[in-house]
Amino acid sequence: MDKTTAPRPTILRSFTEHPASVGETYGQHFLFALRFSMRLFLAAGAAFIHALIPALFEKTASERIKAMHHDLTHRNDDA
């Protein structure tokens, strides 16, 4: 078997198996993960500013993380 073609099916499966396991297509999963990463980035920014100036963003990061946890654990409830 040619080395350039043998790994390809495994690589392609890696793009579809996990999204399918959570009931999504690759595109749906990509958008969900991209949005989720942006929300994490914003929460991290709020936590960073809070570390510098404790009076700012006192509950922002924790509230965002709680909301993200809810969204993640209930993402397929409507399906």
PDB file of N, CA and C in Angstrom:
ATOM      1  N   MET A   1       0.851  -1.177   0.000  1.00  0.00           N
ATOM      2  CA  MET A   1       0.000   0.000   0.000  1.00  0.00           C
ATOM      3  C   MET A   1       0.894   1.238   0.000  1.00  0.00           C
ATOM      4  N   ASP A   2       0.554   2.197  -0.808  1.00  0.00           N
ATOM      5  CA  ASP A   2       1.314   3.437  -0.922  1.00  0.00           C
ATOM      6  C   ASP A   2       1.172   4.283   0.347  1.00  0.00           C
ATOM      7  N   LYS A   3       2.277   4.790   0.875  1.00  0.00           N
ATOM      8  CA  LYS A   3       2.252   5.555   2.122  1.00  0.00           C
ATOM      9  C   LYS A   3       1.476   6.862   2.004  1.00  0.00           C
ATOM     10  N   THR A   4       1.388   7.428   0.826  1.00  0.00           N
ATOM     11  CA  THR A   4       0.683   8.709   0.673  1.00  0.00           C
ATOM     12  C   THR A   4      -0.821   8.549   0.689  1.00  0.00           C
ATOM     13  N   THR A   5      -1.323   7.371   0.381  1.00  0.00           N
ATOM     14  CA  THR A   5      -2.773   7.179   0.369  1.00  0.00           C
ATOM     15  C   THR A   5      -3.289   6.421   1.587  1.00  0.00           C
ATOM     16  N   ALA A   6      -2.460   5.659   2.245  1.00  0.00           N
ATOM     17  CA  ALA A   6      -2.914   4.832   3.365  1.00  0.00           C
ATOM     18  C   ALA A   6      -3.499   5.648   4.521  1.00  0.00           C
ATOM     19  N   PRO A   7      -2.854   6.712   4.995  1.00  0.00           N
ATOM     20  CA  PRO A   7      -3.397   7.426   6.150  1.00  0.00           C
ATOM     21  C   PRO A   7      -4.614   8.292   5.840  1.00  0.00           C
ATOM     22  N   ARG A   8      -4.863   8.579   4.599  1.00  0.00           N
ATOM     23  CA  ARG A   8      -5.921   9.524   4.236  1.00  0.00           C
ATOM     24  C   ARG A   8      -7.293   9.179   4.802  1.00  0.00           C
ATOM     25  N   PRO A   9      -7.775   7.953   4.681  1.00  0.00           N
ATOM     26  CA  PRO A   9      -9.094   7.667   5.252  1.00  0.00           C
ATOM     27  C   PRO A   9      -9.165   7.936   6.754  1.00  0.00           C
ATOM     28  N   THR A  10      -8.111   7.627   7.488  1.00  0.00           N
ATOM     29  CA  THR A  10      -8.092   7.884   8.924  1.00  0.00           C
ATOM     30  C   THR A  10      -8.149   9.384   9.190  1.00  0.00           C
ATOM     31  N   ILE A  11      -7.403  10.152   8.451  1.00  0.00           N
ATOM     32  CA  ILE A  11      -7.408  11.603   8.614  1.00  0.00           C
ATOM     33  C   ILE A  11      -8.790  12.159   8.296  1.00  0.00           C
ATOM     34  N   LEU A  12      -9.386  11.701   7.220  1.00  0.00           N
ATOM     35  CA  LEU A  12     -10.722  12.185   6.853  1.00  0.00           C
ATOM     36  C   LEU A  12     -11.753  11.801   7.907  1.00  0.00           C
ATOM     37  N   ARG A  13     -11.634  10.600   8.451  1.00  0.00           N
ATOM     38  CA  ARG A  13     -12.562  10.174   9.502  1.00  0.00           C
ATOM     39  C   ARG A  13     -12.455  11.066  10.725  1.00  0.00           C
ATOM     40  N   SER A  14     -11.251  11.557  11.008  1.00  0.00           N
ATOM     41  CA  SER A  14     -11.080  12.401  12.192  1.00  0.00           C
ATOM     42  C   SER A  14     -11.871  13.700  12.072  1.00  0.00           C
ATOM     43  N   PHE A  15     -12.198  14.109  10.858  1.00  0.00           N
ATOM     44  CA  PHE A  15     -12.991  15.317  10.656  1.00  0.00           C
ATOM     45  C   PHE A  15     -14.491  15.071  10.787  1.00  0.00           C
ATOM     46  N   THR A  16     -14.899  13.811  10.780  1.00  0.00           N
ATOM     47  CA  THR A  16     -16.331  13.524  10.818  1.00  0.00           C
ATOM     48  C   THR A  16     -16.782  12.699  12.020  1.00  0.00           C
ATOM     49  N   GLU A  17     -15.913  11.875  12.570  1.00  0.00           N
ATOM     50  CA  GLU A  17     -16.336  10.985  13.662  1.00  0.00           C
ATOM     51  C   GLU A  17     -16.764  11.745  14.915  1.00  0.00           C
ATOM     52  N   HIS A  18     -15.930  12.645  15.388  1.00  0.00           N
ATOM     53  CA  HIS A  18     -16.301  13.372  16.607  1.00  0.00           C
ATOM     54  C   HIS A  18     -17.524  14.258  16.381  1.00  0.00           C
ATOM     55  N   PRO A  19     -17.576  15.073  15.331  1.00  0.00           N
ATOM     56  CA  PRO A  19     -18.800  15.852  15.123  1.00  0.00           C
ATOM     57  C   PRO A  19     -20.051  14.974  15.068  1.00  0.00           C
ATOM     58  N   ALA A  20     -19.957  13.838  14.410  1.00  0.00           N
ATOM     59  CA  ALA A  20     -21.100  12.925  14.335  1.00  0.00           C
ATOM     60  C   ALA A  20     -21.473  12.395  15.713  1.00  0.00           C
ATOM     61  N   SER A  21     -20.478  12.195  16.569  1.00  0.00           N
ATOM     62  CA  SER A  21     -20.748  11.658  17.902  1.00  0.00           C
ATOM     63  C   SER A  21     -21.538  12.635  18.770  1.00  0.00           C
ATOM     64  N   VAL A  22     -21.531  13.913  18.410  1.00  0.00           N
ATOM     65  CA  VAL A  22     -22.324  14.904  19.135  1.00  0.00           C
ATOM     66  C   VAL A  22     -23.491  15.403  18.287  1.00  0.00           C
ATOM     67  N   GLY A  23     -23.803  14.664  17.226  1.00  0.00           N
ATOM     68  CA  GLY A  23     -24.979  14.959  16.406  1.00  0.00           C
ATOM     69  C   GLY A  23     -24.829  16.145  15.481  1.00  0.00           C
ATOM     70  N   GLU A  24     -23.622  16.401  14.997  1.00  0.00           N
ATOM     71  CA  GLU A  24     -23.388  17.545  14.125  1.00  0.00           C
ATOM     72  C   GLU A  24     -22.614  17.141  12.882  1.00  0.00           C
ATOM     73  N   THR A  25     -22.716  17.961  11.857  1.00  0.00           N
ATOM     74  CA  THR A  25     -21.847  17.816  10.696  1.00  0.00           C
ATOM     75  C   THR A  25     -20.525  18.494  11.030  1.00  0.00           C
ATOM     76  N   TYR A  26     -19.541  18.333  10.160  1.00  0.00           N
ATOM     77  CA  TYR A  26     -18.260  19.007  10.382  1.00  0.00           C
ATOM     78  C   TYR A  26     -18.457  20.518  10.427  1.00  0.00           C
ATOM     79  N   GLY A  27     -19.226  21.063   9.500  1.00  0.00           N
ATOM     80  CA  GLY A  27     -19.451  22.508   9.454  1.00  0.00           C
ATOM     81  C   GLY A  27     -20.153  23.030  10.696  1.00  0.00           C
ATOM     82  N   GLN A  28     -21.165  22.330  11.143  1.00  0.00           N
ATOM     83  CA  GLN A  28     -21.873  22.741  12.358  1.00  0.00           C
ATOM     84  C   GLN A  28     -20.933  22.719  13.557  1.00  0.00           C
ATOM     85  N   HIS A  29     -20.135  21.655  13.648  1.00  0.00           N
ATOM     86  CA  HIS A  29     -19.206  21.528  14.764  1.00  0.00           C
ATOM     87  C   HIS A  29     -18.137  22.618  14.697  1.00  0.00           C
ATOM     88  N   PHE A  30     -17.648  22.900  13.512  1.00  0.00           N
ATOM     89  CA  PHE A  30     -16.649  23.944  13.330  1.00  0.00           C
ATOM     90  C   PHE A  30     -17.174  25.285  13.832  1.00  0.00           C
ATOM     91  N   LEU A  31     -18.385  25.644  13.427  1.00  0.00           N
ATOM     92  CA  LEU A  31     -18.954  26.923  13.851  1.00  0.00           C
ATOM     93  C   LEU A  31     -19.211  26.963  15.355  1.00  0.00           C
ATOM     94  N   PHE A  32     -19.717  25.861  15.909  1.00  0.00           N
ATOM     95  CA  PHE A  32     -19.942  25.809  17.353  1.00  0.00           C
ATOM     96  C   PHE A  32     -18.626  25.988  18.102  1.00  0.00           C
ATOM     97  N   ALA A  33     -17.598  25.249  17.704  1.00  0.00           N
ATOM     98  CA  ALA A  33     -16.298  25.317  18.380  1.00  0.00           C
ATOM     99  C   ALA A  33     -15.647  26.686  18.205  1.00  0.00           C
ATOM    100  N   LEU A  34     -15.801  27.283  17.027  1.00  0.00           N
ATOM    101  CA  LEU A  34     -15.246  28.608  16.785  1.00  0.00           C
ATOM    102  C   LEU A  34     -15.922  29.646  17.683  1.00  0.00           C
ATOM    103  N   ARG A  35     -17.231  29.594  17.753  1.00  0.00           N
ATOM    104  CA  ARG A  35     -17.975  30.517  18.621  1.00  0.00           C
ATOM    105  C   ARG A  35     -17.604  30.289  20.090  1.00  0.00           C
ATOM    106  N   PHE A  36     -17.490  29.029  20.467  1.00  0.00           N
ATOM    107  CA  PHE A  36     -17.130  28.685  21.836  1.00  0.00           C
ATOM    108  C   PHE A  36     -15.745  29.227  22.177  1.00  0.00           C
ATOM    109  N   SER A  37     -14.800  29.112  21.255  1.00  0.00           N
ATOM    110  CA  SER A  37     -13.449  29.601  21.511  1.00  0.00           C
ATOM    111  C   SER A  37     -13.439  31.118  21.655  1.00  0.00           C
ATOM    112  N   MET A  38     -14.269  31.816  20.895  1.00  0.00           N
ATOM    113  CA  MET A  38     -14.351  33.271  21.025  1.00  0.00           C
ATOM    114  C   MET A  38     -14.922  33.645  22.393  1.00  0.00           C
ATOM    115  N   ARG A  39     -15.923  32.920  22.825  1.00  0.00           N
ATOM    116  CA  ARG A  39     -16.500  33.188  24.142  1.00  0.00           C
ATOM    117  C   ARG A  39     -15.478  32.933  25.251  1.00  0.00           C
ATOM    118  N   LEU A  40     -14.677  31.889  25.115  1.00  0.00           N
ATOM    119  CA  LEU A  40     -13.611  31.625  26.087  1.00  0.00           C
ATOM    120  C   LEU A  40     -12.583  32.751  26.091  1.00  0.00           C
ATOM    121  N   PHE A  41     -12.238  33.221  24.903  1.00  0.00           N
ATOM    122  CA  PHE A  41     -11.274  34.303  24.772  1.00  0.00           C
ATOM    123  C   PHE A  41     -11.782  35.561  25.471  1.00  0.00           C
ATOM    124  N   LEU A  42     -13.048  35.888  25.286  1.00  0.00           N
ATOM    125  CA  LEU A  42     -13.620  37.068  25.932  1.00  0.00           C
ATOM    126  C   LEU A  42     -13.683  36.901  27.449  1.00  0.00           C
ATOM    127  N   ALA A  43     -14.040  35.718  27.909  1.00  0.00           N
ATOM    128  CA  ALA A  43     -14.064  35.458  29.351  1.00  0.00           C
ATOM    129  C   ALA A  43     -12.655  35.568  29.932  1.00  0.00           C
ATOM    130  N   ALA A  44     -11.671  35.066  29.204  1.00  0.00           N
ATOM    131  CA  ALA A  44     -10.280  35.165  29.655  1.00  0.00           C
ATOM    132  C   ALA A  44      -9.844  36.624  29.729  1.00  0.00           C
ATOM    133  N   GLY A  45     -10.262  37.417  28.760  1.00  0.00           N
ATOM    134  CA  GLY A  45      -9.941  38.840  28.781  1.00  0.00           C
ATOM    135  C   GLY A  45     -10.530  39.529  29.996  1.00  0.00           C
ATOM    136  N   ALA A  46     -11.779  39.215  30.306  1.00  0.00           N
ATOM    137  CA  ALA A  46     -12.426  39.795  31.487  1.00  0.00           C
ATOM    138  C   ALA A  46     -11.703  39.358  32.756  1.00  0.00           C
ATOM    139  N   ALA A  47     -11.298  38.101  32.830  1.00  0.00           N
ATOM    140  CA  ALA A  47     -10.575  37.603  34.002  1.00  0.00           C
ATOM    141  C   ALA A  47      -9.214  38.282  34.130  1.00  0.00           C
ATOM    142  N   PHE A  48      -8.554  38.519  33.014  1.00  0.00           N
ATOM    143  CA  PHE A  48      -7.261  39.186  33.027  1.00  0.00           C
ATOM    144  C   PHE A  48      -7.394  40.618  33.540  1.00  0.00           C
ATOM    145  N   ILE A  49      -8.369  41.337  33.018  1.00  0.00           N
ATOM    146  CA  ILE A  49      -8.588  42.711  33.482  1.00  0.00           C
ATOM    147  C   ILE A  49      -8.962  42.710  34.962  1.00  0.00           C
ATOM    148  N   HIS A  50      -9.789  41.755  35.380  1.00  0.00           N
ATOM    149  CA  HIS A  50     -10.167  41.643  36.781  1.00  0.00           C
ATOM    150  C   HIS A  50      -8.929  41.381  37.659  1.00  0.00           C
ATOM    151  N   ALA A  51      -7.998  40.598  37.156  1.00  0.00           N
ATOM    152  CA  ALA A  51      -6.770  40.336  37.923  1.00  0.00           C
ATOM    153  C   ALA A  51      -5.976  41.618  38.137  1.00  0.00           C
ATOM    154  N   LEU A  52      -5.963  42.473  37.134  1.00  0.00           N
ATOM    155  CA  LEU A  52      -5.240  43.739  37.242  1.00  0.00           C
ATOM    156  C   LEU A  52      -5.985  44.756  38.100  1.00  0.00           C
ATOM    157  N   ILE A  53      -7.298  44.840  37.881  1.00  0.00           N
ATOM    158  CA  ILE A  53      -8.137  45.812  38.588  1.00  0.00           C
ATOM    159  C   ILE A  53      -9.348  45.062  39.145  1.00  0.00           C
ATOM    160  N   PRO A  54      -9.253  44.571  40.372  1.00  0.00           N
ATOM    161  CA  PRO A  54     -10.291  43.703  40.941  1.00  0.00           C
ATOM    162  C   PRO A  54     -11.705  44.298  40.953  1.00  0.00           C
ATOM    163  N   ALA A  55     -11.834  45.600  40.940  1.00  0.00           N
ATOM    164  CA  ALA A  55     -13.163  46.213  40.947  1.00  0.00           C
ATOM    165  C   ALA A  55     -13.885  46.071  39.606  1.00  0.00           C
ATOM    166  N   LEU A  56     -13.154  45.734  38.555  1.00  0.00           N
ATOM    167  CA  LEU A  56     -13.762  45.581  37.228  1.00  0.00           C
ATOM    168  C   LEU A  56     -14.065  44.115  36.933  1.00  0.00           C
ATOM    169  N   PHE A  57     -15.154  43.886  36.237  1.00  0.00           N
ATOM    170  CA  PHE A  57     -15.534  42.537  35.778  1.00  0.00           C
ATOM    171  C   PHE A  57     -15.531  41.519  36.915  1.00  0.00           C
ATOM    172  N   GLU A  58     -16.120  41.886  38.041  1.00  0.00           N
ATOM    173  CA  GLU A  58     -16.089  41.034  39.227  1.00  0.00           C
ATOM    174  C   GLU A  58     -16.709  39.651  39.006  1.00  0.00           C
ATOM    175  N   LYS A  59     -17.755  39.584  38.218  1.00  0.00           N
ATOM    176  CA  LYS A  59     -18.440  38.297  38.010  1.00  0.00           C
ATOM    177  C   LYS A  59     -18.518  37.903  36.541  1.00  0.00           C
ATOM    178  N   THR A  60     -17.974  38.719  35.673  1.00  0.00           N
ATOM    179  CA  THR A  60     -18.132  38.505  34.230  1.00  0.00           C
ATOM    180  C   THR A  60     -17.609  37.145  33.773  1.00  0.00           C
ATOM    181  N   ALA A  61     -16.368  36.834  34.107  1.00  0.00           N
ATOM    182  CA  ALA A  61     -15.773  35.580  33.627  1.00  0.00           C
ATOM    183  C   ALA A  61     -16.539  34.374  34.156  1.00  0.00           C
ATOM    184  N   SER A  62     -16.851  34.376  35.459  1.00  0.00           N
ATOM    185  CA  SER A  62     -17.541  33.209  36.020  1.00  0.00           C
ATOM    186  C   SER A  62     -18.946  33.069  35.446  1.00  0.00           C
ATOM    187  N   GLU A  63     -19.635  34.185  35.211  1.00  0.00           N
ATOM    188  CA  GLU A  63     -20.975  34.110  34.621  1.00  0.00           C
ATOM    189  C   GLU A  63     -20.916  33.601  33.187  1.00  0.00           C
ATOM    190  N   ARG A  64     -19.916  34.045  32.435  1.00  0.00           N
ATOM    191  CA  ARG A  64     -19.768  33.560  31.053  1.00  0.00           C
ATOM    192  C   ARG A  64     -19.447  32.066  31.024  1.00  0.00           C
ATOM    193  N   ILE A  65     -18.577  31.630  31.929  1.00  0.00           N
ATOM    194  CA  ILE A  65     -18.216  30.210  31.982  1.00  0.00           C
ATOM    195  C   ILE A  65     -19.430  29.365  32.367  1.00  0.00           C
ATOM    196  N   LYS A  66     -20.221  29.838  33.327  1.00  0.00           N
ATOM    197  CA  LYS A  66     -21.441  29.109  33.708  1.00  0.00           C
ATOM    198  C   LYS A  66     -22.403  29.002  32.527  1.00  0.00           C
ATOM    199  N   ALA A  67     -22.574  30.100  31.792  1.00  0.00           N
ATOM    200  CA  ALA A  67     -23.459  30.091  30.625  1.00  0.00           C
ATOM    201  C   ALA A  67     -22.932  29.147  29.552  1.00  0.00           C
ATOM    202  N   MET A  68     -21.619  29.136  29.357  1.00  0.00           N
ATOM    203  CA  MET A  68     -21.023  28.248  28.359  1.00  0.00           C
ATOM    204  C   MET A  68     -21.189  26.788  28.775  1.00  0.00           C
ATOM    205  N   HIS A  69     -21.032  26.510  30.058  1.00  0.00           N
ATOM    206  CA  HIS A  69     -21.232  25.145  30.546  1.00  0.00           C
ATOM    207  C   HIS A  69     -22.667  24.695  30.268  1.00  0.00           C
ATOM    208  N   HIS A  70     -23.611  25.570  30.543  1.00  0.00           N
ATOM    209  CA  HIS A  70     -25.014  25.246  30.273  1.00  0.00           C
ATOM    210  C   HIS A  70     -25.219  24.974  28.783  1.00  0.00           C
ATOM    211  N   ASP A  71     -24.700  25.854  27.947  1.00  0.00           N
ATOM    212  CA  ASP A  71     -24.848  25.678  26.497  1.00  0.00           C
ATOM    213  C   ASP A  71     -24.217  24.371  26.028  1.00  0.00           C
ATOM    214  N   LEU A  72     -23.067  24.041  26.577  1.00  0.00           N
ATOM    215  CA  LEU A  72     -22.365  22.825  26.169  1.00  0.00           C
ATOM    216  C   LEU A  72     -23.100  21.571  26.612  1.00  0.00           C
ATOM    217  N   THR A  73     -23.615  21.577  27.828  1.00  0.00           N
ATOM    218  CA  THR A  73     -24.273  20.378  28.346  1.00  0.00           C
ATOM    219  C   THR A  73     -25.714  20.226  27.858  1.00  0.00           C
ATOM    220  N   HIS A  74     -26.279  21.261  27.281  1.00  0.00           N
ATOM    221  CA  HIS A  74     -27.650  21.200  26.776  1.00  0.00           C
ATOM    222  C   HIS A  74     -27.734  21.457  25.261  1.00  0.00           C
ATOM    223  N   ARG A  75     -26.638  21.324  24.561  1.00  0.00           N
ATOM    224  CA  ARG A  75     -26.601  21.707  23.153  1.00  0.00           C
ATOM    225  C   ARG A  75     -27.479  20.858  22.246  1.00  0.00           C
ATOM    226  N   ASN A  76     -27.764  19.642  22.625  1.00  0.00           N
ATOM    227  CA  ASN A  76     -28.601  18.778  21.781  1.00  0.00           C
ATOM    228  C   ASN A  76     -29.960  18.507  22.375  1.00  0.00           C
ATOM    229  N   ASP A  77     -30.363  19.281  23.376  1.00  0.00           N
ATOM    230  CA  ASP A  77     -31.665  19.075  24.009  1.00  0.00           C
ATOM    231  C   ASP A  77     -32.827  19.312  23.058  1.00  0.00           C
ATOM    232  N   ASP A  78     -32.669  20.233  22.120  1.00  0.00           N
ATOM    233  CA  ASP A  78     -33.741  20.563  21.177  1.00  0.00           C
ATOM    234  C   ASP A  78     -33.803  19.607  20.007  1.00  0.00           C
ATOM    235  N   ALA A  79     -32.753  18.825  19.819  1.00  0.00           N
ATOM    236  CA  ALA A  79     -32.696  17.925  18.653  1.00  0.00           C
ATOM    237  C   ALA A  79     -33.546  16.695  18.845  1.00  0.00           C
TER     238      ALA A  79
END
